[in-house]
Amino acid sequence: MLFFRIEHLRYVVIELETTTFDPRDAGQLRFYVAAVDERFSIVARHQPTVGICS
């Protein structure tokens, strides 16, 4: 899921897992965050993107 937090001017990427946490999940989440930063984020205006895995 991708959200934009207006108060903080940042994107929030949330990955929901149905299985137990695997360290590979963190790498996948980093990929998603990097993709959002590259594709949508305006460096001069937005705060860094946050990734949450649960």
PDB file of N, CA and C in Angstrom:
ATOM      1  N   MET A   1       0.846  -1.163   0.000  1.00  0.00           N
ATOM      2  CA  MET A   1       0.000   0.000   0.000  1.00  0.00           C
ATOM      3  C   MET A   1       0.893   1.228   0.000  1.00  0.00           C
ATOM      4  N   LEU A   2       0.430   2.250  -0.642  1.00  0.00           N
ATOM      5  CA  LEU A   2       1.183   3.494  -0.703  1.00  0.00           C
ATOM      6  C   LEU A   2       0.295   4.627  -0.219  1.00  0.00           C
ATOM      7  N   PHE A   3       0.792   5.379   0.750  1.00  0.00           N
ATOM      8  CA  PHE A   3       0.085   6.527   1.294  1.00  0.00           C
ATOM      9  C   PHE A   3       0.967   7.756   1.164  1.00  0.00           C
ATOM     10  N   PHE A   4       0.346   8.937   1.209  1.00  0.00           N
ATOM     11  CA  PHE A   4       1.099  10.182   1.255  1.00  0.00           C
ATOM     12  C   PHE A   4       0.653  10.931   2.495  1.00  0.00           C
ATOM     13  N   ARG A   5       1.584  11.189   3.364  1.00  0.00           N
ATOM     14  CA  ARG A   5       1.299  11.887   4.631  1.00  0.00           C
ATOM     15  C   ARG A   5       1.445  13.386   4.383  1.00  0.00           C
ATOM     16  N   ILE A   6       0.328  14.102   4.303  1.00  0.00           N
ATOM     17  CA  ILE A   6       0.344  15.513   3.939  1.00  0.00           C
ATOM     18  C   ILE A   6       1.038  16.362   4.998  1.00  0.00           C
ATOM     19  N   GLU A   7       0.792  16.096   6.280  1.00  0.00           N
ATOM     20  CA  GLU A   7       1.390  16.903   7.342  1.00  0.00           C
ATOM     21  C   GLU A   7       2.917  16.863   7.300  1.00  0.00           C
ATOM     22  N   HIS A   8       3.476  15.744   6.864  1.00  0.00           N
ATOM     23  CA  HIS A   8       4.924  15.565   6.848  1.00  0.00           C
ATOM     24  C   HIS A   8       5.513  15.651   5.435  1.00  0.00           C
ATOM     25  N   LEU A   9       4.644  15.730   4.433  1.00  0.00           N
ATOM     26  CA  LEU A   9       5.072  15.737   3.026  1.00  0.00           C
ATOM     27  C   LEU A   9       5.999  14.571   2.724  1.00  0.00           C
ATOM     28  N   ARG A  10       5.515  13.364   3.013  1.00  0.00           N
ATOM     29  CA  ARG A  10       6.304  12.169   2.740  1.00  0.00           C
ATOM     30  C   ARG A  10       5.399  11.020   2.341  1.00  0.00           C
ATOM     31  N   TYR A  11       5.975  10.110   1.554  1.00  0.00           N
ATOM     32  CA  TYR A  11       5.275   8.881   1.181  1.00  0.00           C
ATOM     33  C   TYR A  11       5.532   7.825   2.243  1.00  0.00           C
ATOM     34  N   VAL A  12       4.544   6.972   2.436  1.00  0.00           N
ATOM     35  CA  VAL A  12       4.657   5.854   3.366  1.00  0.00           C
ATOM     36  C   VAL A  12       4.274   4.588   2.603  1.00  0.00           C
ATOM     37  N   VAL A  13       5.212   3.643   2.552  1.00  0.00           N
ATOM     38  CA  VAL A  13       4.989   2.357   1.898  1.00  0.00           C
ATOM     39  C   VAL A  13       4.738   1.327   2.988  1.00  0.00           C
ATOM     40  N   ILE A  14       3.618   0.614   2.903  1.00  0.00           N
ATOM     41  CA  ILE A  14       3.284  -0.414   3.893  1.00  0.00           C
ATOM     42  C   ILE A  14       3.155  -1.747   3.166  1.00  0.00           C
ATOM     43  N   GLU A  15       3.919  -2.719   3.646  1.00  0.00           N
ATOM     44  CA  GLU A  15       3.856  -4.068   3.083  1.00  0.00           C
ATOM     45  C   GLU A  15       3.257  -4.982   4.147  1.00  0.00           C
ATOM     46  N   LEU A  16       2.142  -5.603   3.820  1.00  0.00           N
ATOM     47  CA  LEU A  16       1.476  -6.521   4.737  1.00  0.00           C
ATOM     48  C   LEU A  16       1.865  -7.946   4.392  1.00  0.00           C
ATOM     49  N   GLU A  17       2.335  -8.667   5.372  1.00  0.00           N
ATOM     50  CA  GLU A  17       2.770 -10.055   5.178  1.00  0.00           C
ATOM     51  C   GLU A  17       1.770 -11.000   5.839  1.00  0.00           C
ATOM     52  N   THR A  18       1.525 -12.117   5.207  1.00  0.00           N
ATOM     53  CA  THR A  18       0.642 -13.129   5.787  1.00  0.00           C
ATOM     54  C   THR A  18       1.447 -14.271   6.405  1.00  0.00           C
ATOM     55  N   THR A  19       2.773 -14.214   6.242  1.00  0.00           N
ATOM     56  CA  THR A  19       3.651 -15.241   6.801  1.00  0.00           C
ATOM     57  C   THR A  19       4.572 -14.593   7.826  1.00  0.00           C
ATOM     58  N   THR A  20       5.378 -15.400   8.495  1.00  0.00           N
ATOM     59  CA  THR A  20       6.331 -14.853   9.455  1.00  0.00           C
ATOM     60  C   THR A  20       7.391 -14.041   8.722  1.00  0.00           C
ATOM     61  N   PHE A  21       7.993 -13.104   9.433  1.00  0.00           N
ATOM     62  CA  PHE A  21       8.979 -12.204   8.839  1.00  0.00           C
ATOM     63  C   PHE A  21      10.210 -12.975   8.382  1.00  0.00           C
ATOM     64  N   ASP A  22      10.677 -12.648   7.204  1.00  0.00           N
ATOM     65  CA  ASP A  22      11.885 -13.218   6.628  1.00  0.00           C
ATOM     66  C   ASP A  22      12.797 -12.034   6.289  1.00  0.00           C
ATOM     67  N   PRO A  23      14.083 -12.102   6.545  1.00  0.00           N
ATOM     68  CA  PRO A  23      14.977 -10.975   6.234  1.00  0.00           C
ATOM     69  C   PRO A  23      14.894 -10.516   4.773  1.00  0.00           C
ATOM     70  N   ARG A  24      14.526 -11.398   3.882  1.00  0.00           N
ATOM     71  CA  ARG A  24      14.359 -10.993   2.480  1.00  0.00           C
ATOM     72  C   ARG A  24      13.232  -9.978   2.321  1.00  0.00           C
ATOM     73  N   ASP A  25      12.259  -9.999   3.246  1.00  0.00           N
ATOM     74  CA  ASP A  25      11.159  -9.040   3.198  1.00  0.00           C
ATOM     75  C   ASP A  25      11.681  -7.617   3.347  1.00  0.00           C
ATOM     76  N   ALA A  26      12.701  -7.422   4.177  1.00  0.00           N
ATOM     77  CA  ALA A  26      13.283  -6.091   4.360  1.00  0.00           C
ATOM     78  C   ALA A  26      13.915  -5.603   3.061  1.00  0.00           C
ATOM     79  N   GLY A  27      14.590  -6.477   2.347  1.00  0.00           N
ATOM     80  CA  GLY A  27      15.174  -6.105   1.066  1.00  0.00           C
ATOM     81  C   GLY A  27      14.128  -5.731   0.045  1.00  0.00           C
ATOM     82  N   GLN A  28      13.045  -6.473   0.033  1.00  0.00           N
ATOM     83  CA  GLN A  28      11.956  -6.181  -0.896  1.00  0.00           C
ATOM     84  C   GLN A  28      11.333  -4.830  -0.559  1.00  0.00           C
ATOM     85  N   LEU A  29      11.157  -4.546   0.728  1.00  0.00           N
ATOM     86  CA  LEU A  29      10.598  -3.270   1.147  1.00  0.00           C
ATOM     87  C   LEU A  29      11.529  -2.121   0.755  1.00  0.00           C
ATOM     88  N   ARG A  30      12.840  -2.306   0.913  1.00  0.00           N
ATOM     89  CA  ARG A  30      13.798  -1.283   0.484  1.00  0.00           C
ATOM     90  C   ARG A  30      13.672  -1.015  -1.012  1.00  0.00           C
ATOM     91  N   PHE A  31      13.437  -2.058  -1.780  1.00  0.00           N
ATOM     92  CA  PHE A  31      13.223  -1.898  -3.220  1.00  0.00           C
ATOM     93  C   PHE A  31      11.993  -1.033  -3.491  1.00  0.00           C
ATOM     94  N   TYR A  32      10.896  -1.306  -2.797  1.00  0.00           N
ATOM     95  CA  TYR A  32       9.668  -0.526  -2.978  1.00  0.00           C
ATOM     96  C   TYR A  32       9.895   0.941  -2.619  1.00  0.00           C
ATOM     97  N   VAL A  33      10.573   1.181  -1.502  1.00  0.00           N
ATOM     98  CA  VAL A  33      10.840   2.552  -1.062  1.00  0.00           C
ATOM     99  C   VAL A  33      11.695   3.278  -2.099  1.00  0.00           C
ATOM    100  N   ALA A  34      12.717   2.630  -2.606  1.00  0.00           N
ATOM    101  CA  ALA A  34      13.574   3.237  -3.620  1.00  0.00           C
ATOM    102  C   ALA A  34      12.781   3.540  -4.895  1.00  0.00           C
ATOM    103  N   ALA A  35      11.883   2.640  -5.266  1.00  0.00           N
ATOM    104  CA  ALA A  35      11.068   2.853  -6.464  1.00  0.00           C
ATOM    105  C   ALA A  35      10.141   4.053  -6.287  1.00  0.00           C
ATOM    106  N   VAL A  36       9.543   4.197  -5.117  1.00  0.00           N
ATOM    107  CA  VAL A  36       8.667   5.347  -4.848  1.00  0.00           C
ATOM    108  C   VAL A  36       9.487   6.636  -4.867  1.00  0.00           C
ATOM    109  N   ASP A  37      10.654   6.621  -4.234  1.00  0.00           N
ATOM    110  CA  ASP A  37      11.512   7.806  -4.242  1.00  0.00           C
ATOM    111  C   ASP A  37      11.881   8.205  -5.666  1.00  0.00           C
ATOM    112  N   GLU A  38      12.221   7.243  -6.477  1.00  0.00           N
ATOM    113  CA  GLU A  38      12.646   7.518  -7.857  1.00  0.00           C
ATOM    114  C   GLU A  38      11.490   8.011  -8.720  1.00  0.00           C
ATOM    115  N   ARG A  39      10.340   7.418  -8.507  1.00  0.00           N
ATOM    116  CA  ARG A  39       9.212   7.661  -9.402  1.00  0.00           C
ATOM    117  C   ARG A  39       8.346   8.852  -9.009  1.00  0.00           C
ATOM    118  N   PHE A  40       8.104   9.040  -7.703  1.00  0.00           N
ATOM    119  CA  PHE A  40       7.114  10.028  -7.261  1.00  0.00           C
ATOM    120  C   PHE A  40       7.673  11.177  -6.432  1.00  0.00           C
ATOM    121  N   SER A  41       8.693  10.909  -5.660  1.00  0.00           N
ATOM    122  CA  SER A  41       9.171  11.890  -4.694  1.00  0.00           C
ATOM    123  C   SER A  41       9.887  13.056  -5.368  1.00  0.00           C
ATOM    124  N   ILE A  42       9.606  14.265  -4.892  1.00  0.00           N
ATOM    125  CA  ILE A  42      10.293  15.477  -5.341  1.00  0.00           C
ATOM    126  C   ILE A  42      11.278  15.836  -4.235  1.00  0.00           C
ATOM    127  N   VAL A  43      12.553  15.676  -4.508  1.00  0.00           N
ATOM    128  CA  VAL A  43      13.593  15.810  -3.489  1.00  0.00           C
ATOM    129  C   VAL A  43      13.550  17.176  -2.805  1.00  0.00           C
ATOM    130  N   ALA A  44      13.296  18.225  -3.545  1.00  0.00           N
ATOM    131  CA  ALA A  44      13.296  19.567  -2.977  1.00  0.00           C
ATOM    132  C   ALA A  44      12.083  19.844  -2.085  1.00  0.00           C
ATOM    133  N   ARG A  45      11.035  19.030  -2.203  1.00  0.00           N
ATOM    134  CA  ARG A  45       9.799  19.302  -1.448  1.00  0.00           C
ATOM    135  C   ARG A  45       9.423  18.226  -0.440  1.00  0.00           C
ATOM    136  N   HIS A  46       9.742  16.970  -0.706  1.00  0.00           N
ATOM    137  CA  HIS A  46       9.261  15.869   0.123  1.00  0.00           C
ATOM    138  C   HIS A  46      10.322  15.360   1.086  1.00  0.00           C
ATOM    139  N   GLN A  47       9.863  14.896   2.226  1.00  0.00           N
ATOM    140  CA  GLN A  47      10.733  14.231   3.197  1.00  0.00           C
ATOM    141  C   GLN A  47      11.018  12.814   2.687  1.00  0.00           C
ATOM    142  N   PRO A  48      12.027  12.139   3.223  1.00  0.00           N
ATOM    143  CA  PRO A  48      12.316  10.772   2.781  1.00  0.00           C
ATOM    144  C   PRO A  48      11.140   9.818   2.973  1.00  0.00           C
ATOM    145  N   THR A  49      11.006   8.881   2.071  1.00  0.00           N
ATOM    146  CA  THR A  49       9.941   7.885   2.143  1.00  0.00           C
ATOM    147  C   THR A  49      10.194   6.917   3.294  1.00  0.00           C
ATOM    148  N   VAL A  50       9.119   6.506   3.953  1.00  0.00           N
ATOM    149  CA  VAL A  50       9.193   5.576   5.077  1.00  0.00           C
ATOM    150  C   VAL A  50       8.593   4.245   4.635  1.00  0.00           C
ATOM    151  N   GLY A  51       9.227   3.146   5.033  1.00  0.00           N
ATOM    152  CA  GLY A  51       8.705   1.819   4.740  1.00  0.00           C
ATOM    153  C   GLY A  51       8.358   1.074   6.019  1.00  0.00           C
ATOM    154  N   ILE A  52       7.189   0.455   6.041  1.00  0.00           N
ATOM    155  CA  ILE A  52       6.721  -0.303   7.202  1.00  0.00           C
ATOM    156  C   ILE A  52       6.330  -1.697   6.734  1.00  0.00           C
ATOM    157  N   CYS A  53       6.854  -2.707   7.394  1.00  0.00           N
ATOM    158  CA  CYS A  53       6.537  -4.087   7.064  1.00  0.00           C
ATOM    159  C   CYS A  53       5.886  -4.732   8.281  1.00  0.00           C
ATOM    160  N   SER A  54       4.722  -5.314   8.080  1.00  0.00           N
ATOM    161  CA  SER A  54       4.056  -5.985   9.211  1.00  0.00           C
ATOM    162  C   SER A  54       3.451  -7.287   8.784  1.00  0.00           C
TER     163      SER A  54
END
